[in-house]
């Protein structure tokens, strides 16, 4: 994972699926188009990047097929540890069509010096299933 500041955006590069996300640090941007990654607007709360994402046009919440509606909203929090070696991530999902209450998930990453984002080269063959 890599964060790059570009003008009024933070671009988030992820190895999984070669994903590139644009987080608008102002309310600018093209909301209302409905894309698989939605429309993300960020702000800083001290050392935490808080990202609100709406306008997601993707039918599934996860890889197991849990559905999500076009009304789904995500609040993500990215917090770097004081020693800059760990990144804590939390996401709160609100989707009344799928969940009876907001769902919060958390994970963290440890920084490994010299580690690079590599191309996502995941292929599979139906015969392997």
C-alpha atoms as a PDB file:
ATOM      1  CA  UNK A   1       0.000   0.000   0.000  1.00  0.00           C
ATOM      2  CA  UNK A   2       1.256   3.448  -0.875  1.00  0.00           C
ATOM      3  CA  UNK A   3      -0.246   6.917  -0.350  1.00  0.00           C
ATOM      4  CA  UNK A   4       0.767   9.724  -2.732  1.00  0.00           C
ATOM      5  CA  UNK A   5      -0.361  13.351  -2.353  1.00  0.00           C
ATOM      6  CA  UNK A   6      -1.300  14.935  -5.685  1.00  0.00           C
ATOM      7  CA  UNK A   7      -2.752  18.449  -5.545  1.00  0.00           C
ATOM      8  CA  UNK A   8      -6.084  18.205  -3.678  1.00  0.00           C
ATOM      9  CA  UNK A   9      -6.111  14.400  -3.675  1.00  0.00           C
ATOM     10  CA  UNK A  10      -4.420  11.508  -1.973  1.00  0.00           C
ATOM     11  CA  UNK A  11      -3.933   8.593  -4.342  1.00  0.00           C
ATOM     12  CA  UNK A  12      -3.943   5.193  -2.675  1.00  0.00           C
ATOM     13  CA  UNK A  13      -2.158   2.390  -4.527  1.00  0.00           C
ATOM     14  CA  UNK A  14      -2.935  -1.174  -3.451  1.00  0.00           C
ATOM     15  CA  UNK A  15      -1.275  -4.357  -4.652  1.00  0.00           C
ATOM     16  CA  UNK A  16      -4.508  -6.366  -4.548  1.00  0.00           C
ATOM     17  CA  UNK A  17      -6.204  -6.147  -7.962  1.00  0.00           C
ATOM     18  CA  UNK A  18      -3.730  -3.339  -8.880  1.00  0.00           C
ATOM     19  CA  UNK A  19      -6.238  -0.958  -7.277  1.00  0.00           C
ATOM     20  CA  UNK A  20      -5.821   2.823  -7.513  1.00  0.00           C
ATOM     21  CA  UNK A  21      -8.155   4.977  -5.390  1.00  0.00           C
ATOM     22  CA  UNK A  22      -8.475   8.743  -5.436  1.00  0.00           C
ATOM     23  CA  UNK A  23      -9.362  10.394  -2.150  1.00  0.00           C
ATOM     24  CA  UNK A  24     -10.515  13.980  -2.674  1.00  0.00           C
ATOM     25  CA  UNK A  25      -9.279  16.210   0.136  1.00  0.00           C
ATOM     26  CA  UNK A  26     -11.835  18.839  -0.807  1.00  0.00           C
ATOM     27  CA  UNK A  27     -15.454  18.144  -1.715  1.00  0.00           C
ATOM     28  CA  UNK A  28     -14.461  18.383  -5.379  1.00  0.00           C
ATOM     29  CA  UNK A  29     -14.744  15.472  -7.724  1.00  0.00           C
ATOM     30  CA  UNK A  30     -17.422  13.737  -9.667  1.00  0.00           C
ATOM     31  CA  UNK A  31     -19.899  12.298  -7.200  1.00  0.00           C
ATOM     32  CA  UNK A  32     -23.044  10.811  -8.651  1.00  0.00           C
ATOM     33  CA  UNK A  33     -21.447   8.625 -11.300  1.00  0.00           C
ATOM     34  CA  UNK A  34     -21.549   5.414  -9.304  1.00  0.00           C
ATOM     35  CA  UNK A  35     -18.296   3.465  -9.659  1.00  0.00           C
ATOM     36  CA  UNK A  36     -17.099   0.217  -8.054  1.00  0.00           C
ATOM     37  CA  UNK A  37     -14.860   2.199  -5.670  1.00  0.00           C
ATOM     38  CA  UNK A  38     -17.372   5.008  -5.119  1.00  0.00           C
ATOM     39  CA  UNK A  39     -16.604   8.656  -4.389  1.00  0.00           C
ATOM     40  CA  UNK A  40     -14.171   9.225  -1.512  1.00  0.00           C
ATOM     41  CA  UNK A  41     -13.654  12.479   0.392  1.00  0.00           C
ATOM     42  CA  UNK A  42     -10.939  12.673   3.049  1.00  0.00           C
ATOM     43  CA  UNK A  43      -9.977  14.894   5.932  1.00  0.00           C
ATOM     44  CA  UNK A  44      -7.333  14.862   8.627  1.00  0.00           C
ATOM     45  CA  UNK A  45      -8.180  14.390  12.307  1.00  0.00           C
ATOM     46  CA  UNK A  46      -4.772  14.928  13.910  1.00  0.00           C
ATOM     47  CA  UNK A  47      -2.636  12.035  12.567  1.00  0.00           C
ATOM     48  CA  UNK A  48      -5.593  10.031  11.205  1.00  0.00           C
ATOM     49  CA  UNK A  49      -6.793  10.169   7.610  1.00  0.00           C
ATOM     50  CA  UNK A  50     -10.591   9.811   7.707  1.00  0.00           C
ATOM     51  CA  UNK A  51     -12.230   8.883   4.403  1.00  0.00           C
ATOM     52  CA  UNK A  52     -15.989   8.941   3.724  1.00  0.00           C
ATOM     53  CA  UNK A  53     -17.031   6.964   0.645  1.00  0.00           C
ATOM     54  CA  UNK A  54     -20.467   7.012  -0.983  1.00  0.00           C
ATOM     55  CA  UNK A  55     -21.898   6.408  -4.448  1.00  0.00           C
ATOM     56  CA  UNK A  56     -20.538   2.853  -4.644  1.00  0.00           C
ATOM     57  CA  UNK A  57     -21.895   0.870  -7.575  1.00  0.00           C
ATOM     58  CA  UNK A  58     -20.795  -2.656  -6.700  1.00  0.00           C
ATOM     59  CA  UNK A  59     -23.267  -5.404  -5.747  1.00  0.00           C
ATOM     60  CA  UNK A  60     -21.183  -7.249  -3.130  1.00  0.00           C
ATOM     61  CA  UNK A  61     -19.793  -6.263   0.233  1.00  0.00           C
ATOM     62  CA  UNK A  62     -17.226  -9.063   0.273  1.00  0.00           C
ATOM     63  CA  UNK A  63     -15.854 -11.985  -1.712  1.00  0.00           C
ATOM     64  CA  UNK A  64     -18.307 -14.431  -0.164  1.00  0.00           C
ATOM     65  CA  UNK A  65     -21.238 -12.703  -1.861  1.00  0.00           C
ATOM     66  CA  UNK A  66     -22.790 -10.643   0.954  1.00  0.00           C
ATOM     67  CA  UNK A  67     -24.828  -8.043  -0.958  1.00  0.00           C
ATOM     68  CA  UNK A  68     -24.613  -4.294  -0.596  1.00  0.00           C
ATOM     69  CA  UNK A  69     -26.941  -1.599  -1.873  1.00  0.00           C
ATOM     70  CA  UNK A  70     -26.228   1.661  -3.698  1.00  0.00           C
ATOM     71  CA  UNK A  71     -26.926   3.370  -0.347  1.00  0.00           C
ATOM     72  CA  UNK A  72     -23.866   1.836   1.335  1.00  0.00           C
ATOM     73  CA  UNK A  73     -21.553   4.294   3.083  1.00  0.00           C
ATOM     74  CA  UNK A  74     -18.029   3.650   4.335  1.00  0.00           C
ATOM     75  CA  UNK A  75     -16.025   5.582   6.914  1.00  0.00           C
ATOM     76  CA  UNK A  76     -12.367   4.541   6.878  1.00  0.00           C
ATOM     77  CA  UNK A  77      -9.641   5.572   9.303  1.00  0.00           C
ATOM     78  CA  UNK A  78      -5.933   5.217   8.534  1.00  0.00           C
ATOM     79  CA  UNK A  79      -3.688   5.916  11.542  1.00  0.00           C
ATOM     80  CA  UNK A  80       0.102   5.699  11.501  1.00  0.00           C
ATOM     81  CA  UNK A  81       1.733   4.603  14.759  1.00  0.00           C
ATOM     82  CA  UNK A  82       3.966   7.110  16.602  1.00  0.00           C
ATOM     83  CA  UNK A  83       7.088   5.199  15.460  1.00  0.00           C
ATOM     84  CA  UNK A  84       5.854   5.137  11.809  1.00  0.00           C
ATOM     85  CA  UNK A  85       6.132   1.338  11.673  1.00  0.00           C
ATOM     86  CA  UNK A  86       2.468   0.277  11.739  1.00  0.00           C
ATOM     87  CA  UNK A  87      -0.683   1.471  10.008  1.00  0.00           C
ATOM     88  CA  UNK A  88      -3.978   0.788  11.748  1.00  0.00           C
ATOM     89  CA  UNK A  89      -7.055   0.644   9.525  1.00  0.00           C
ATOM     90  CA  UNK A  90     -10.702   0.608  10.504  1.00  0.00           C
ATOM     91  CA  UNK A  91     -13.776   0.716   8.313  1.00  0.00           C
ATOM     92  CA  UNK A  92     -17.345   1.292   9.426  1.00  0.00           C
ATOM     93  CA  UNK A  93     -19.958   0.167   6.930  1.00  0.00           C
ATOM     94  CA  UNK A  94     -23.516   1.496   7.034  1.00  0.00           C
ATOM     95  CA  UNK A  95     -26.028  -0.143   4.700  1.00  0.00           C
ATOM     96  CA  UNK A  96     -29.583  -0.479   6.076  1.00  0.00           C
ATOM     97  CA  UNK A  97     -30.523  -2.763   3.169  1.00  0.00           C
ATOM     98  CA  UNK A  98     -27.907  -5.313   4.269  1.00  0.00           C
ATOM     99  CA  UNK A  99     -27.026  -4.754   7.938  1.00  0.00           C
ATOM    100  CA  UNK A 100     -29.255  -4.003  10.921  1.00  0.00           C
ATOM    101  CA  UNK A 101     -26.582  -1.705  12.379  1.00  0.00           C
ATOM    102  CA  UNK A 102     -23.222  -0.268  11.285  1.00  0.00           C
ATOM    103  CA  UNK A 103     -20.435  -2.856  11.046  1.00  0.00           C
ATOM    104  CA  UNK A 104     -16.842  -1.989  11.972  1.00  0.00           C
ATOM    105  CA  UNK A 105     -13.836  -4.031  10.861  1.00  0.00           C
ATOM    106  CA  UNK A 106     -10.186  -3.426  11.773  1.00  0.00           C
ATOM    107  CA  UNK A 107      -6.767  -4.569  10.632  1.00  0.00           C
ATOM    108  CA  UNK A 108      -3.217  -3.313  10.594  1.00  0.00           C
ATOM    109  CA  UNK A 109      -0.074  -3.474   8.484  1.00  0.00           C
ATOM    110  CA  UNK A 110       3.565  -3.460   9.565  1.00  0.00           C
ATOM    111  CA  UNK A 111       6.069  -1.478   7.501  1.00  0.00           C
ATOM    112  CA  UNK A 112       8.791  -3.621   5.939  1.00  0.00           C
ATOM    113  CA  UNK A 113      11.753  -1.547   4.671  1.00  0.00           C
ATOM    114  CA  UNK A 114      12.453  -2.110   0.986  1.00  0.00           C
ATOM    115  CA  UNK A 115       9.128  -3.807   0.277  1.00  0.00           C
ATOM    116  CA  UNK A 116       7.589  -2.682  -3.023  1.00  0.00           C
ATOM    117  CA  UNK A 117       4.087  -2.895  -4.474  1.00  0.00           C
ATOM    118  CA  UNK A 118       4.189  -5.622  -7.070  1.00  0.00           C
ATOM    119  CA  UNK A 119       1.865  -6.244 -10.010  1.00  0.00           C
ATOM    120  CA  UNK A 120      -1.143  -8.314  -9.008  1.00  0.00           C
ATOM    121  CA  UNK A 121      -0.572 -11.544 -10.881  1.00  0.00           C
ATOM    122  CA  UNK A 122      -3.342 -13.783  -9.636  1.00  0.00           C
ATOM    123  CA  UNK A 123      -4.635 -16.243 -12.182  1.00  0.00           C
ATOM    124  CA  UNK A 124      -6.666 -19.358 -11.746  1.00  0.00           C
ATOM    125  CA  UNK A 125      -8.025 -22.131 -13.859  1.00  0.00           C
ATOM    126  CA  UNK A 126     -11.478 -23.653 -13.376  1.00  0.00           C
ATOM    127  CA  UNK A 127      -9.791 -27.066 -13.286  1.00  0.00           C
ATOM    128  CA  UNK A 128      -8.018 -25.961 -10.086  1.00  0.00           C
ATOM    129  CA  UNK A 129     -11.326 -25.519  -8.248  1.00  0.00           C
END
